[in-house]
Every structure is written in structure tokens, then in C-alpha cells.
C-alpha atoms as a PDB file:
ATOM      1  CA  MET A   1      13.745 -39.823 -17.760  1.00  0.00           C
ATOM      2  CA  LEU A   2      15.498 -38.589 -14.615  1.00  0.00           C
ATOM      3  CA  LYS A   3      17.867 -36.508 -16.778  1.00  0.00           C
ATOM      4  CA  ASN A   4      14.892 -34.408 -17.986  1.00  0.00           C
ATOM      5  CA  VAL A   5      13.301 -33.954 -14.551  1.00  0.00           C
ATOM      6  CA  ILE A   6      16.324 -32.446 -12.810  1.00  0.00           C
ATOM      7  CA  PRO A   7      16.824 -29.473 -15.204  1.00  0.00           C
ATOM      8  CA  VAL A   8      13.089 -28.739 -15.164  1.00  0.00           C
ATOM      9  CA  THR A   9      13.148 -28.776 -11.359  1.00  0.00           C
ATOM     10  CA  TYR A  10      16.007 -26.258 -11.291  1.00  0.00           C
ATOM     11  CA  VAL A  11      14.207 -23.955 -13.712  1.00  0.00           C
ATOM     12  CA  LEU A  12      10.972 -24.060 -11.695  1.00  0.00           C
ATOM     13  CA  PHE A  13      12.835 -23.458  -8.422  1.00  0.00           C
ATOM     14  CA  GLY A  14      14.714 -20.503  -9.951  1.00  0.00           C
ATOM     15  CA  PHE A  15      11.457 -19.034 -11.257  1.00  0.00           C
ATOM     16  CA  LEU A  16       9.902 -19.364  -7.792  1.00  0.00           C
ATOM     17  CA  LEU A  17      12.821 -17.496  -6.232  1.00  0.00           C
ATOM     18  CA  LEU A  18      12.693 -14.686  -8.783  1.00  0.00           C
ATOM     19  CA  THR A  19       8.951 -14.135  -8.458  1.00  0.00           C
ATOM     20  CA  ALA A  20       9.220 -13.886  -4.675  1.00  0.00           C
ATOM     21  CA  CYS A  21      11.994 -11.274  -4.643  1.00  0.00           C
ATOM     22  CA  SER A  22      10.135  -7.982  -5.065  1.00  0.00           C
ATOM     23  CA  SER A  23       7.189  -6.133  -3.598  1.00  0.00           C
ATOM     24  CA  SER A  24       4.086  -5.333  -5.627  1.00  0.00           C
ATOM     25  CA  GLY A  25       0.738  -3.601  -5.424  1.00  0.00           C
ATOM     26  CA  SER A  26      -2.493  -2.897  -7.249  1.00  0.00           C
ATOM     27  CA  LEU A  27      -5.048  -0.122  -7.692  1.00  0.00           C
ATOM     28  CA  ASN A  28      -8.749  -0.751  -8.370  1.00  0.00           C
ATOM     29  CA  VAL A  29     -10.640   2.501  -9.074  1.00  0.00           C
ATOM     30  CA  HIS A  30     -14.358   2.607  -8.190  1.00  0.00           C
ATOM     31  CA  LYS A  31     -14.959   6.327  -8.778  1.00  0.00           C
ATOM     32  CA  GLN A  32     -12.696   9.014 -10.185  1.00  0.00           C
ATOM     33  CA  SER A  33     -13.778  12.620 -10.620  1.00  0.00           C
ATOM     34  CA  SER A  34     -13.131  14.251 -13.963  1.00  0.00           C
ATOM     35  CA  VAL A  35     -12.258  17.464 -12.091  1.00  0.00           C
ATOM     36  CA  PRO A  36      -8.615  17.381 -10.957  1.00  0.00           C
ATOM     37  CA  ILE A  37      -7.559  18.366  -7.459  1.00  0.00           C
ATOM     38  CA  GLY A  38      -6.840  22.098  -7.570  1.00  0.00           C
ATOM     39  CA  LEU A  39      -3.560  23.790  -6.804  1.00  0.00           C
ATOM     40  CA  ASN A  40      -2.747  24.956  -3.263  1.00  0.00           C
ATOM     41  CA  LYS A  41      -5.298  22.624  -1.659  1.00  0.00           C
ATOM     42  CA  THR A  42      -5.019  21.031   1.776  1.00  0.00           C
ATOM     43  CA  VAL A  43      -6.166  17.623   2.949  1.00  0.00           C
ATOM     44  CA  SER A  44      -7.034  16.121   6.316  1.00  0.00           C
ATOM     45  CA  LEU A  45      -5.958  12.503   6.721  1.00  0.00           C
ATOM     46  CA  GLU A  46      -7.702   9.844   8.761  1.00  0.00           C
ATOM     47  CA  VAL A  47      -6.650   6.181   8.899  1.00  0.00           C
ATOM     48  CA  SER A  48      -8.871   3.579  10.566  1.00  0.00           C
ATOM     49  CA  GLY A  49      -9.720  -0.090  10.574  1.00  0.00           C
ATOM     50  CA  SER A  50      -6.739  -2.064  11.862  1.00  0.00           C
ATOM     51  CA  SER A  51      -6.077  -3.352  15.335  1.00  0.00           C
ATOM     52  CA  ASP A  52      -2.339  -3.101  14.607  1.00  0.00           C
ATOM     53  CA  ALA A  53      -1.375   0.463  15.571  1.00  0.00           C
ATOM     54  CA  ARG A  54       2.038   0.036  13.952  1.00  0.00           C
ATOM     55  CA  ILE A  55       0.482  -0.377  10.498  1.00  0.00           C
ATOM     56  CA  LYS A  56      -1.773   2.655  10.949  1.00  0.00           C
ATOM     57  CA  GLU A  57       1.063   4.861  12.167  1.00  0.00           C
ATOM     58  CA  GLN A  58       3.439   3.816   9.405  1.00  0.00           C
ATOM     59  CA  LEU A  59       0.756   4.371   6.773  1.00  0.00           C
ATOM     60  CA  LYS A  60      -0.041   7.836   8.164  1.00  0.00           C
ATOM     61  CA  ALA A  61       3.612   8.822   8.443  1.00  0.00           C
ATOM     62  CA  ASP A  62       4.393   7.781   4.870  1.00  0.00           C
ATOM     63  CA  LEU A  63       1.302   9.544   3.509  1.00  0.00           C
ATOM     64  CA  PHE A  64       1.982  12.769   5.421  1.00  0.00           C
ATOM     65  CA  GLY A  65       5.345  13.055   3.696  1.00  0.00           C
ATOM     66  CA  ARG A  66       4.486  11.815   0.214  1.00  0.00           C
ATOM     67  CA  LEU A  67       1.223  13.743  -0.303  1.00  0.00           C
ATOM     68  CA  VAL A  68       3.144  17.016   0.051  1.00  0.00           C
ATOM     69  CA  SER A  69       6.452  15.970  -1.532  1.00  0.00           C
ATOM     70  CA  GLU A  70       4.677  14.665  -4.642  1.00  0.00           C
ATOM     71  CA  ARG A  71       2.699  17.923  -4.828  1.00  0.00           C
ATOM     72  CA  LYS A  72      -0.742  16.425  -4.425  1.00  0.00           C
ATOM     73  CA  PHE A  73      -1.541  18.893  -1.627  1.00  0.00           C
ATOM     74  CA  THR A  74       0.224  21.860  -0.061  1.00  0.00           C
ATOM     75  CA  ALA A  75      -0.431  20.628   3.490  1.00  0.00           C
ATOM     76  CA  VAL A  76      -1.633  17.481   5.210  1.00  0.00           C
ATOM     77  CA  ARG A  77      -3.563  17.838   8.448  1.00  0.00           C
ATOM     78  CA  HIS A  78      -4.908  15.461  11.045  1.00  0.00           C
ATOM     79  CA  GLY A  79      -8.427  14.085  10.569  1.00  0.00           C
ATOM     80  CA  ASN A  80     -10.135  16.568  12.895  1.00  0.00           C
ATOM     81  CA  GLU A  81      -8.604  19.704  11.334  1.00  0.00           C
ATOM     82  CA  THR A  82     -10.258  21.842   8.648  1.00  0.00           C
ATOM     83  CA  SER A  83      -9.014  21.433   5.075  1.00  0.00           C
ATOM     84  CA  ASP A  84     -10.153  21.538   1.443  1.00  0.00           C
ATOM     85  CA  TYR A  85     -10.374  17.733   1.175  1.00  0.00           C
ATOM     86  CA  ASN A  86     -10.845  14.813   3.577  1.00  0.00           C
ATOM     87  CA  LEU A  87      -8.888  11.647   2.821  1.00  0.00           C
ATOM     88  CA  LEU A  88     -10.381   8.662   4.630  1.00  0.00           C
ATOM     89  CA  ILE A  89      -8.405   5.443   4.537  1.00  0.00           C
ATOM     90  CA  THR A  90      -9.879   2.249   5.945  1.00  0.00           C
ATOM     91  CA  ILE A  91      -7.608  -0.751   6.378  1.00  0.00           C
ATOM     92  CA  LEU A  92      -9.601  -3.699   5.056  1.00  0.00           C
ATOM     93  CA  SER A  93      -7.059  -6.433   5.751  1.00  0.00           C
ATOM     94  CA  SER A  94      -3.440  -6.944   6.689  1.00  0.00           C
ATOM     95  CA  ASN A  95      -1.076  -9.861   7.069  1.00  0.00           C
ATOM     96  CA  THR A  96       2.147  -9.497   9.002  1.00  0.00           C
ATOM     97  CA  VAL A  97       4.821 -12.182   8.778  1.00  0.00           C
ATOM     98  CA  SER A  98       7.201 -12.238  11.722  1.00  0.00           C
ATOM     99  CA  PRO A  99      10.953 -12.242  11.060  1.00  0.00           C
ATOM    100  CA  VAL A 100      11.209 -15.614  12.841  1.00  0.00           C
ATOM    101  CA  ALA A 101       8.589 -17.157  10.555  1.00  0.00           C
ATOM    102  CA  ARG A 102      10.335 -15.611   7.557  1.00  0.00           C
ATOM    103  CA  ILE A 103      13.662 -17.212   8.521  1.00  0.00           C
ATOM    104  CA  MET A 104      12.250 -20.601   9.539  1.00  0.00           C
ATOM    105  CA  LEU A 105       9.723 -21.066   6.730  1.00  0.00           C
ATOM    106  CA  GLY A 106      11.320 -18.942   4.019  1.00  0.00           C
ATOM    107  CA  VAL A 107       9.106 -18.358   0.983  1.00  0.00           C
ATOM    108  CA  LEU A 108       6.425 -20.586   2.502  1.00  0.00           C
ATOM    109  CA  ALA A 109       5.802 -18.003   5.257  1.00  0.00           C
ATOM    110  CA  GLY A 110       4.147 -15.818   2.642  1.00  0.00           C
ATOM    111  CA  ALA A 111       4.249 -12.079   2.176  1.00  0.00           C
ATOM    112  CA  ASN A 112       3.354  -9.113   4.331  1.00  0.00           C
ATOM    113  CA  SER A 113       0.253  -7.631   2.772  1.00  0.00           C
ATOM    114  CA  LEU A 114      -2.091  -4.706   3.192  1.00  0.00           C
ATOM    115  CA  LYS A 115      -5.407  -3.806   1.556  1.00  0.00           C
ATOM    116  CA  VAL A 116      -7.065  -0.414   2.058  1.00  0.00           C
ATOM    117  CA  ASP A 117     -10.149   1.452   0.879  1.00  0.00           C
ATOM    118  CA  VAL A 118      -9.494   5.098  -0.026  1.00  0.00           C
ATOM    119  CA  LYS A 119     -12.153   7.804  -0.172  1.00  0.00           C
ATOM    120  CA  LEU A 120     -11.423  11.455  -0.963  1.00  0.00           C
ATOM    121  CA  TYR A 121     -14.210  13.951  -0.168  1.00  0.00           C
ATOM    122  CA  GLU A 122     -14.473  17.633  -1.018  1.00  0.00           C
ATOM    123  CA  THR A 123     -15.023  19.357   2.330  1.00  0.00           C
ATOM    124  CA  ALA A 124     -17.104  22.287   1.026  1.00  0.00           C
ATOM    125  CA  THR A 125     -19.680  20.124  -0.781  1.00  0.00           C
ATOM    126  CA  GLY A 126     -19.292  16.776   0.949  1.00  0.00           C
ATOM    127  CA  ASN A 127     -19.127  15.141  -2.501  1.00  0.00           C
ATOM    128  CA  LEU A 128     -17.073  12.016  -3.039  1.00  0.00           C
ATOM    129  CA  HIS A 129     -14.207  13.039  -5.326  1.00  0.00           C
ATOM    130  CA  SER A 130     -12.664   9.593  -5.737  1.00  0.00           C
ATOM    131  CA  ASN A 131     -12.839   6.100  -4.298  1.00  0.00           C
ATOM    132  CA  PHE A 132     -10.481   3.196  -4.906  1.00  0.00           C
ATOM    133  CA  VAL A 133      -9.081   0.071  -3.268  1.00  0.00           C
ATOM    134  CA  VAL A 134      -5.324  -0.376  -3.033  1.00  0.00           C
ATOM    135  CA  THR A 135      -3.237  -3.410  -2.141  1.00  0.00           C
ATOM    136  CA  GLY A 136       0.425  -3.796  -1.346  1.00  0.00           C
ATOM    137  CA  GLU A 137       2.495  -6.911  -0.817  1.00  0.00           C
ATOM    138  CA  SER A 138       6.094  -7.379   0.239  1.00  0.00           C
ATOM    139  CA  ALA A 139       8.426  -9.941  -1.252  1.00  0.00           C
ATOM    140  CA  SER A 140       8.102 -13.488   0.080  1.00  0.00           C
ATOM    141  CA  HIS A 141      11.758 -14.418  -0.193  1.00  0.00           C
ATOM    142  CA  PRO A 142      13.590 -14.122   3.159  1.00  0.00           C
ATOM    143  CA  LEU A 143      16.795 -12.815   1.558  1.00  0.00           C
ATOM    144  CA  SER A 144      15.049 -10.088  -0.428  1.00  0.00           C
ATOM    145  CA  SER A 145      15.567  -6.498   0.661  1.00  0.00           C
ATOM    146  CA  GLU A 146      11.818  -5.950   0.086  1.00  0.00           C
ATOM    147  CA  SER A 147      10.382  -8.592   2.439  1.00  0.00           C
ATOM    148  CA  GLY A 148       9.369  -6.314   5.338  1.00  0.00           C
ATOM    149  CA  LEU A 149       6.018  -4.837   6.282  1.00  0.00           C
ATOM    150  CA  GLU A 150       7.310  -1.380   5.367  1.00  0.00           C
ATOM    151  CA  ASN A 151       7.580  -2.555   1.749  1.00  0.00           C
ATOM    152  CA  ALA A 152       3.889  -3.507   1.651  1.00  0.00           C
ATOM    153  CA  VAL A 153       3.026  -0.110   3.148  1.00  0.00           C
ATOM    154  CA  ARG A 154       5.274   1.653   0.611  1.00  0.00           C
ATOM    155  CA  GLU A 155       3.450  -0.106  -2.244  1.00  0.00           C
ATOM    156  CA  VAL A 156       0.077   0.958  -0.805  1.00  0.00           C
ATOM    157  CA  VAL A 157       1.198   4.588  -0.430  1.00  0.00           C
ATOM    158  CA  SER A 158       2.582   4.661  -3.995  1.00  0.00           C
ATOM    159  CA  ASN A 159      -0.707   3.346  -5.348  1.00  0.00           C
ATOM    160  CA  ILE A 160      -2.700   5.867  -3.286  1.00  0.00           C
ATOM    161  CA  ILE A 161      -0.586   8.664  -4.810  1.00  0.00           C
ATOM    162  CA  ASN A 162      -1.218   7.223  -8.285  1.00  0.00           C
ATOM    163  CA  GLY A 163      -4.945   6.982  -7.580  1.00  0.00           C
ATOM    164  CA  LEU A 164      -5.091  10.674  -6.690  1.00  0.00           C
ATOM    165  CA  ARG A 165      -3.749  11.754 -10.102  1.00  0.00           C
END
């Protein structure tokens, strides 16, 4: 009996390690306009909702670069500046695992995670162009290269870009 339990234990432990080694995210669309975002359009970006300024700043910094580099918009402006579209991002929840907890508790410390609500409005009409909720989660494994908060943010930004297609 013990001979059968040990191999099964190794397989389950190996599966647990593999599933905790990469970051992931999801996109849940609530409203998507059938009219695509036009060429040469600008967007103003506003991020709100979290008491952790580091998360807000990292999210804004990543979005400023990716929205232009992935050719979604020609320019990204701050929330109070005039543009063709307004992108409002509200952080609904976040979980930050400290490096100490990650080392001491390993996989049991959990993952860094972030959940945001995204609304894109057309400035001229005030109409809601699209609305979706995005999540991002880092790896749980302490030896993974994707276990940091920046990996959860990267997953969220990638899913926001995908949601704007």
C-alpha cells in the first residue's frame, strides 16, 4: 500500500509546483462597441481605487507605454487633459505578498493579484465605448521568475490591451 502512495505523492507535488510557476490573467467583457477605435486617436488615462500608490503608479506607467507601442492610440495623456477617449481604470482589489512571506511560506503565501474595472468613454459624445473587468495574478512559487507584483500588473495591462481590440 505504501509503495503506491509515495509515487502518487510525488506526482501531486510536482503538479503543484508546475501550476504555481507562471503568471496568469483573465478578461470579462461587459460591453464592447461594434465600432472600432479610430486611427490617430488620443486617450486620457485615469487610475483610481487603491490605497497602494505603488500599484497605481506601476499600472499607469505600463499603460502609458503599451497603449502607444501597441498602436491602440497615438498619444496617452493624463486624466485631466483633453483627448478623443477617456480611459478610466478603477482598482477593485489587490493582494501584495511580501518577499519575506514568499521566502518563509513559499507557495502557501499565495500570489500577488490585481483586479480592475476598465471603462473607455468617447469624449465627444460621453458614450461608453467599452467596459470590462480584468484580473492578473503572479506565480505563487518563490523560485519562479514571475512571482512579483509587477507580473500581476503586466498580466492586467496585457488583458486591458486585448480588451481594447
